[in-house]
C-alpha atoms as a PDB file:
ATOM      1  CA  MET A   1    -235.735 120.968 -29.076  1.00  0.00           C
ATOM      2  CA  THR A   2    -232.893 117.971 -27.747  1.00  0.00           C
ATOM      3  CA  ARG A   3    -229.468 118.010 -29.539  1.00  0.00           C
ATOM      4  CA  PRO A   4    -230.400 115.352 -32.097  1.00  0.00           C
ATOM      5  CA  THR A   5    -233.507 116.905 -33.244  1.00  0.00           C
ATOM      6  CA  SER A   6    -231.969 120.879 -33.147  1.00  0.00           C
ATOM      7  CA  ILE A   7    -229.105 119.223 -35.755  1.00  0.00           C
ATOM      8  CA  PHE A   8    -231.317 117.751 -37.728  1.00  0.00           C
ATOM      9  CA  ALA A   9    -233.726 120.762 -38.240  1.00  0.00           C
ATOM     10  CA  ALA A  10    -230.313 122.726 -38.920  1.00  0.00           C
ATOM     11  CA  LEU A  11    -229.532 120.355 -41.770  1.00  0.00           C
ATOM     12  CA  HIS A  12    -233.070 120.318 -42.960  1.00  0.00           C
ATOM     13  CA  SER A  13    -233.228 124.394 -43.034  1.00  0.00           C
ATOM     14  CA  ASN A  14    -229.488 124.482 -44.032  1.00  0.00           C
ATOM     15  CA  GLU A  15    -229.163 126.837 -46.997  1.00  0.00           C
ATOM     16  CA  GLU A  16    -227.333 124.157 -48.744  1.00  0.00           C
ATOM     17  CA  GLY A  17    -230.724 121.872 -49.070  1.00  0.00           C
ATOM     18  CA  HIS A  18    -228.418 118.633 -48.884  1.00  0.00           C
ATOM     19  CA  ALA A  19    -230.481 116.719 -46.391  1.00  0.00           C
ATOM     20  CA  THR A  20    -233.438 115.498 -48.750  1.00  0.00           C
ATOM     21  CA  PRO A  21    -231.368 114.803 -51.552  1.00  0.00           C
ATOM     22  CA  ALA A  22    -229.260 112.381 -49.311  1.00  0.00           C
ATOM     23  CA  ILE A  23    -232.250 110.271 -48.360  1.00  0.00           C
ATOM     24  CA  ALA A  24    -232.078 109.573 -52.193  1.00  0.00           C
ATOM     25  CA  THR A  25    -229.063 108.678 -52.023  1.00  0.00           C
ATOM     26  CA  VAL A  26    -229.190 106.394 -48.734  1.00  0.00           C
ATOM     27  CA  VAL A  27    -232.158 104.374 -51.139  1.00  0.00           C
ATOM     28  CA  GLY A  28    -229.926 103.995 -53.963  1.00  0.00           C
ATOM     29  CA  SER A  29    -226.772 102.608 -51.547  1.00  0.00           C
ATOM     30  CA  ALA A  30    -228.986 100.371 -50.886  1.00  0.00           C
ATOM     31  CA  GLY A  31    -230.742  99.194 -54.116  1.00  0.00           C
ATOM     32  CA  ALA A  32    -226.460  98.680 -55.078  1.00  0.00           C
ATOM     33  CA  ILE A  33    -225.885  96.513 -51.978  1.00  0.00           C
ATOM     34  CA  LEU A  34    -229.040  94.410 -52.605  1.00  0.00           C
ATOM     35  CA  LEU A  35    -227.383  94.145 -56.540  1.00  0.00           C
ATOM     36  CA  GLY A  36    -224.094  92.521 -55.119  1.00  0.00           C
ATOM     37  CA  VAL A  37    -226.488  90.388 -52.893  1.00  0.00           C
ATOM     38  CA  GLY A  38    -229.005  89.222 -55.448  1.00  0.00           C
ATOM     39  CA  PRO A  39    -226.038  87.061 -57.595  1.00  0.00           C
ATOM     40  CA  ALA A  40    -223.845  86.200 -54.823  1.00  0.00           C
ATOM     41  CA  ASN A  41    -227.250  84.241 -53.460  1.00  0.00           C
ATOM     42  CA  ASP A  42    -228.371  82.682 -56.948  1.00  0.00           C
ATOM     43  CA  SER A  43    -231.274  85.063 -56.793  1.00  0.00           C
ATOM     44  CA  GLY A  44    -231.987  86.875 -59.593  1.00  0.00           C
ATOM     45  CA  GLY A  45    -235.089  88.657 -58.633  1.00  0.00           C
ATOM     46  CA  LEU A  46    -233.197  90.327 -55.538  1.00  0.00           C
ATOM     47  CA  ALA A  47    -230.490  91.170 -57.689  1.00  0.00           C
ATOM     48  CA  ILE A  48    -233.276  92.902 -60.431  1.00  0.00           C
ATOM     49  CA  ALA A  49    -235.049  94.750 -57.235  1.00  0.00           C
ATOM     50  CA  GLY A  50    -231.510  96.044 -56.110  1.00  0.00           C
ATOM     51  CA  GLY A  51    -230.981  96.894 -59.843  1.00  0.00           C
ATOM     52  CA  ILE A  52    -234.313  98.772 -59.997  1.00  0.00           C
ATOM     53  CA  ILE A  53    -233.987 100.008 -56.563  1.00  0.00           C
ATOM     54  CA  ALA A  54    -230.364 101.630 -57.152  1.00  0.00           C
ATOM     55  CA  GLY A  55    -231.694 103.438 -60.540  1.00  0.00           C
ATOM     56  CA  LEU A  56    -234.441 104.938 -58.640  1.00  0.00           C
ATOM     57  CA  GLY A  57    -232.336 106.345 -55.999  1.00  0.00           C
ATOM     58  CA  VAL A  58    -229.854 107.427 -58.319  1.00  0.00           C
ATOM     59  CA  LEU A  59    -232.886 109.578 -59.897  1.00  0.00           C
ATOM     60  CA  ALA A  60    -234.430 110.351 -57.075  1.00  0.00           C
ATOM     61  CA  ALA A  61    -231.133 111.998 -55.651  1.00  0.00           C
ATOM     62  CA  GLY A  62    -230.502 114.005 -59.051  1.00  0.00           C
ATOM     63  CA  VAL A  63    -234.592 115.524 -59.102  1.00  0.00           C
ATOM     64  CA  LEU A  64    -233.969 116.416 -55.218  1.00  0.00           C
ATOM     65  CA  HIS A  65    -230.307 118.144 -55.595  1.00  0.00           C
ATOM     66  CA  HIS A  66    -232.298 120.328 -58.285  1.00  0.00           C
ATOM     67  CA  ARG A  67    -235.199 121.155 -56.652  1.00  0.00           C
ATOM     68  CA  GLU A  68    -233.845 121.963 -53.197  1.00  0.00           C
ATOM     69  CA  VAL A  69    -230.483 123.167 -54.196  1.00  0.00           C
ATOM     70  CA  ASP A  70    -230.482 124.671 -58.186  1.00  0.00           C
ATOM     71  CA  TYR A  71    -233.899 126.125 -57.946  1.00  0.00           C
ATOM     72  CA  HIS A  72    -233.378 128.159 -54.916  1.00  0.00           C
ATOM     73  CA  LEU A  73    -229.774 129.332 -56.057  1.00  0.00           C
ATOM     74  CA  TYR A  74    -230.941 130.439 -59.923  1.00  0.00           C
ATOM     75  CA  ARG A  75    -234.102 131.719 -57.937  1.00  0.00           C
ATOM     76  CA  ARG A  76    -231.596 134.049 -56.006  1.00  0.00           C
ATOM     77  CA  ILE A  77    -229.325 134.864 -58.721  1.00  0.00           C
ATOM     78  CA  GLU A  78    -232.471 135.896 -61.129  1.00  0.00           C
ATOM     79  CA  ALA A  79    -233.454 138.163 -58.368  1.00  0.00           C
ATOM     80  CA  LEU A  80    -230.015 140.110 -58.348  1.00  0.00           C
ATOM     81  CA  GLU A  81    -229.908 140.405 -61.939  1.00  0.00           C
ATOM     82  CA  LYS A  82    -233.259 141.938 -61.507  1.00  0.00           C
ATOM     83  CA  LYS A  83    -231.842 144.357 -59.560  1.00  0.00           C
ATOM     84  CA  SER A  84    -228.851 145.773 -61.181  1.00  0.00           C
END
């Protein structure tokens, strides 16, 4: 594997799981940029689309963070509690 590929593979398989929610965060950031560019260019449609994209990015980041990080953490905690 090449170095960038191995870095991305390590990030994806990392126990913390922050790589997947970061994708949604990038989408939300792009929406926030569009939300600012829309009114600056007198483009209401672009502002509305930017707001929708930013909102979906924020919601997706929360859902993906819960799915990738919290779910695995709670599963490990429950497994430890069953051992006791």
